[in-house]
Protein backbone atom coordinates (compact mmCIF):
# COMPACT_ATOMS: atom_id res chain seq x y z
CA MET A 1 -83.15 -97.20 51.03
CA GLU A 2 -80.64 -95.43 53.71
CA LYS A 3 -81.29 -92.63 55.13
CA ILE A 4 -78.62 -90.69 56.98
CA GLU A 5 -78.19 -86.51 58.63
CA ALA A 6 -76.39 -84.24 55.33
CA PRO A 7 -74.82 -81.80 57.71
CA GLU A 8 -72.81 -79.87 55.03
CA LEU A 9 -76.05 -79.06 53.23
CA GLU A 10 -77.83 -78.41 56.16
CA GLN A 11 -74.98 -75.49 57.40
CA ALA A 12 -74.49 -74.34 53.58
CA ILE A 13 -79.00 -73.84 54.18
CA ILE A 14 -78.67 -71.77 57.10
CA ASP A 15 -75.94 -69.95 56.29
CA HIS A 16 -77.63 -68.83 53.14
CA LEU A 17 -80.69 -68.10 55.45
CA ALA A 18 -78.38 -66.05 57.81
CA GLY A 19 -76.99 -64.21 54.96
CA LEU A 20 -80.41 -63.53 52.49
CA TYR A 21 -81.97 -61.53 56.10
CA SER A 22 -78.29 -60.41 57.99
CA ILE A 23 -79.10 -62.45 60.67
CA HIS A 24 -75.66 -62.47 61.85
CA VAL A 25 -75.01 -58.69 60.92
CA LYS A 26 -74.94 -56.68 64.14
CA ARG A 27 -77.91 -54.10 63.91
CA GLU A 28 -75.92 -50.70 65.17
CA GLY A 29 -77.97 -48.19 67.25
CA LEU A 30 -80.45 -48.13 69.87
CA HIS A 31 -83.43 -49.64 68.74
CA LEU A 32 -86.67 -49.28 69.99
CA SER A 33 -86.58 -53.83 70.23
CA SER A 34 -83.77 -53.42 72.43
CA LEU A 35 -85.31 -51.60 75.08
CA ILE A 36 -88.74 -53.75 74.68
CA GLY A 37 -87.02 -56.93 74.93
CA CYS A 38 -84.57 -58.20 77.70
CA LEU A 39 -81.91 -55.59 78.80
CA THR A 40 -79.34 -57.90 80.21
CA LYS A 41 -79.61 -59.63 76.62
CA SER A 42 -79.61 -56.62 74.89
CA PHE A 43 -76.74 -55.48 76.79
CA PHE A 44 -74.42 -58.50 76.29
CA ASN A 45 -75.29 -58.22 72.19
CA GLU A 46 -74.26 -54.66 72.30
CA VAL A 47 -70.82 -55.54 74.51
CA ASN A 48 -69.88 -59.07 73.52
CA TYR A 49 -71.91 -59.71 69.87
CA THR A 50 -72.09 -63.67 69.20
CA ARG A 51 -74.15 -65.00 66.08
CA PRO A 52 -77.06 -66.84 66.56
CA THR A 53 -77.30 -70.09 66.92
CA ASN A 54 -78.71 -72.25 64.61
CA GLU A 55 -81.96 -72.42 65.79
CA GLU A 56 -82.36 -69.31 66.27
CA THR A 57 -81.04 -68.40 62.49
CA MET A 58 -83.89 -70.88 61.62
CA LEU A 59 -86.45 -68.92 63.78
CA PHE A 60 -85.80 -65.60 62.47
CA ALA A 61 -85.47 -66.66 58.83
CA LEU A 62 -89.01 -68.07 59.55
CA GLY A 63 -90.17 -65.14 60.34
CA TYR A 64 -88.42 -62.67 57.87
CA GLY A 65 -89.59 -65.48 55.38
CA LEU A 66 -92.71 -65.81 56.06
CA GLN A 67 -92.64 -61.21 56.73
CA ASP A 68 -91.93 -60.92 53.01
CA VAL A 69 -94.40 -63.18 51.63
CA LEU A 70 -97.09 -62.00 53.36
CA THR A 71 -95.84 -57.89 52.92
CA PRO A 72 -97.54 -56.22 49.73
CA GLU A 73 -95.17 -55.20 47.10
CA GLN A 74 -96.08 -51.37 47.43
CA ALA A 75 -95.20 -51.40 51.05
CA VAL A 76 -92.09 -49.60 52.49
CA ALA A 77 -90.19 -49.31 55.66
CA PRO A 78 -88.84 -46.40 56.35
CA LEU A 79 -86.59 -45.67 59.70
CA TYR A 80 -87.74 -43.57 62.22
CA GLU A 81 -85.94 -42.08 65.38
CA LEU A 82 -86.78 -40.20 68.51
CA GLU A 83 -84.57 -39.39 71.77
CA ASP A 84 -81.79 -41.61 70.12
CA ILE A 85 -84.23 -44.73 70.08
CA THR A 86 -84.51 -46.13 66.30
CA TYR A 87 -87.95 -47.45 65.26
CA SER A 88 -88.73 -49.20 61.89
CA PRO A 89 -92.14 -50.68 61.37
CA ASP A 90 -92.61 -54.24 59.10
CA TYR A 91 -94.13 -51.97 56.52
CA GLN A 92 -96.45 -48.70 55.98
CA ILE A 93 -98.82 -48.82 53.17
CA LYS A 94 -101.39 -46.35 51.39
CA LEU A 95 -104.95 -47.95 51.02
CA SER A 96 -107.77 -46.06 51.66
CA ASN A 97 -105.98 -44.12 54.22
CA ASP A 98 -102.16 -44.73 55.28
CA ILE A 99 -101.29 -47.51 57.21
CA THR A 100 -98.64 -48.90 59.64
CA ALA A 101 -98.40 -52.37 60.43
CA GLU A 102 -96.61 -55.20 61.84
CA ILE A 103 -96.31 -59.01 61.24
CA LYS A 104 -95.78 -61.33 63.44
CA THR A 105 -96.07 -65.15 63.02
CA THR A 106 -96.80 -67.57 66.09
CA ARG A 107 -97.27 -71.39 67.12
CA ALA A 108 -99.78 -70.23 69.70
CA GLY A 109 -103.25 -70.77 69.17
CA SER A 110 -105.30 -68.14 67.49
CA ASP A 111 -107.29 -67.90 70.86
CA LYS A 112 -104.50 -66.61 73.03
CA ASP A 113 -104.29 -63.21 73.90
CA LEU A 114 -101.65 -60.96 71.86
CA SER A 115 -98.47 -60.61 73.16
CA GLU A 116 -97.47 -57.93 75.67
CA SER A 117 -94.23 -56.92 74.08
CA TRP A 118 -95.88 -56.72 70.17
CA ILE A 119 -98.14 -53.94 72.11
CA LYS A 120 -95.39 -52.11 73.90
CA TYR A 121 -93.54 -52.23 69.95
CA MET A 122 -96.86 -50.86 68.13
CA LYS A 123 -97.31 -48.01 71.17
CA GLY A 124 -93.85 -47.22 70.78
CA GLY A 125 -94.20 -47.00 67.26
CA CYS A 126 -97.47 -44.58 67.82
CA TYR A 127 -95.46 -42.29 69.83
CA ILE A 128 -92.77 -41.66 67.31
CA LEU A 129 -94.81 -41.23 64.61
CA GLY A 130 -97.35 -39.50 66.37
CA ILE A 131 -100.69 -41.64 65.64
CA LYS A 132 -103.04 -43.56 67.78
CA GLU A 133 -103.63 -46.21 65.16
CA TYR A 134 -101.44 -49.44 64.25
CA HIS A 135 -102.44 -52.69 62.27
CA LEU A 136 -101.17 -56.03 63.20
CA ALA A 137 -101.43 -58.69 61.12
CA VAL A 138 -100.93 -62.29 62.90
CA LEU A 139 -100.09 -65.74 60.97
CA TYR A 140 -101.07 -68.44 63.61
CA MET A 141 -98.82 -71.30 62.19
CA MET A 142 -101.08 -73.67 64.29
CA GLY A 143 -104.35 -71.96 64.19
CA ASN A 144 -107.07 -73.00 66.28
CA TRP A 145 -108.08 -75.66 64.58
CA LYS A 146 -108.41 -79.71 64.48
CA PRO A 147 -106.02 -80.76 62.74
CA PRO A 148 -103.91 -77.90 62.98
CA MET A 149 -103.91 -75.07 59.95
CA PRO A 150 -102.35 -71.69 59.43
CA GLU A 151 -104.98 -68.96 59.68
CA LEU A 152 -104.06 -65.19 59.29
CA ARG A 153 -105.72 -62.82 61.06
CA VAL A 154 -105.46 -58.89 61.16
CA TYR A 155 -106.49 -56.14 63.57
CA LYS A 156 -106.57 -52.71 63.80
CA LEU A 157 -105.38 -51.60 67.26
CA THR A 158 -106.69 -47.81 68.80
CA PHE A 159 -104.35 -46.67 71.63
CA GLU A 160 -105.76 -43.30 74.01
CA THR A 161 -103.30 -40.58 74.26
CA GLU A 162 -102.50 -41.84 78.20
CA GLU A 163 -101.54 -45.26 76.94
CA LEU A 164 -99.24 -44.13 74.59
CA GLU A 165 -97.06 -41.73 77.01
CA ASP A 166 -97.05 -44.30 79.80
CA ASN A 167 -95.68 -46.80 77.37
CA TRP A 168 -92.90 -44.18 76.56
CA ALA A 169 -92.16 -43.51 79.97
CA TRP A 170 -91.44 -47.36 81.04
CA ILE A 171 -89.25 -47.17 77.35
CA THR A 172 -87.48 -43.96 78.77
CA GLU A 173 -86.40 -45.83 82.07
CA ARG A 174 -85.59 -48.70 81.16
CA LYS A 175 -83.09 -46.68 78.26
CA GLU A 176 -81.78 -44.86 81.10
CA VAL A 177 -81.23 -48.70 83.09
CA TYR A 178 -79.41 -49.85 79.50
CA GLN A 179 -77.28 -46.83 78.79
CA GLN A 180 -76.12 -46.58 82.67
CA ALA A 181 -75.03 -50.27 82.53
CA LEU A 182 -72.85 -49.74 79.20
CA LYS A 183 -71.80 -46.82 80.76
CA ILE A 184 -70.29 -48.78 83.91
CA ASN A 185 -70.05 -51.88 81.89
CA ARG A 186 -72.28 -54.00 83.98
CA PRO A 187 -74.95 -56.12 82.61
CA PRO A 188 -78.61 -54.71 84.16
CA ARG A 189 -79.50 -57.08 86.73
CA PRO A 190 -80.58 -60.81 85.44
CA PHE A 191 -83.71 -61.93 85.20
CA LYS A 192 -85.50 -58.46 86.70
CA TYR A 193 -85.66 -56.77 83.02
CA CYS A 194 -87.45 -59.49 81.04
CA GLU A 195 -90.58 -61.29 80.44
CA GLU A 196 -90.30 -65.17 82.26
CA TRP A 197 -90.63 -66.84 78.93
CA GLU A 198 -87.70 -64.89 77.52
CA CYS A 199 -85.36 -66.91 79.65
CA LYS A 200 -86.92 -70.52 78.51
CA PHE A 201 -85.11 -71.15 75.55
CA CYS A 202 -82.21 -68.28 76.01
CA ARG A 203 -78.43 -68.85 74.80
CA LEU A 204 -77.44 -66.58 77.91
CA LYS A 205 -79.58 -68.06 80.70
CA MET A 206 -76.90 -70.32 82.53
CA GLN A 207 -74.56 -66.69 82.39
CA CYS A 208 -77.36 -64.84 83.74
CA SER A 209 -77.96 -67.61 86.73
CA ALA A 210 -73.96 -67.39 87.58
CA LEU A 211 -74.42 -63.57 87.55
CA SER A 212 -77.68 -63.64 89.87
CA TYR A 213 -75.70 -65.91 91.99
CA LEU A 214 -72.68 -63.84 92.65
CA ASP A 215 -74.88 -61.12 92.75
CA GLU A 216 -76.66 -62.45 95.64
CA GLN A 217 -72.82 -63.94 97.35
CA LEU A 218 -72.07 -59.92 97.21
CA GLN A 219 -75.02 -59.08 98.83
CA GLU A 220 -74.88 -61.01 101.49
CA ALA A 221 -71.05 -60.57 102.36
CA ALA A 222 -71.70 -56.55 102.48
């Protein structure tokens, strides 16, 4: 048997996934996720949008595909807007009561804490919708078993009013930083408005490192 790479078919599959989930389509408007994630990356995605890499496309497609499978047929995902910030939950569904939910997939074990970024997004959604409860379905791809097995866990999170207000104030501050950066056409300071893990595999890391170095040189020369 001979085994060789088949890049033409590989790219055809990746392009199919990108088209299926509109992964290479630039999102319009100011979305809540753009303010919670790295502001420097959000800036470059807005002013100089480039298509995600094949690796990023595969990660997005995996998340979207599993989300489709895990979303009940009768669920809906409307778009909301508050203070020029748009937001859409992964889905809303009426069971014994009205439920707003997010679906996440992760390679972390189920014994790990929930992502702070997920929590900030859900708090933002609660504030926009005027609710205090949010459901989160997490598919732990590796589970917490030996050998690794997928594990689904679903949580109901309840937030205090003060938590939601503090989180929205934080989002509003980042909105001001982001909009000012767009106004003067200069990205927010690299590595300041992001979590460390966001930089690990980011295609903009070298660009941000160069910008950070230039900023340091300018400050020393001033």
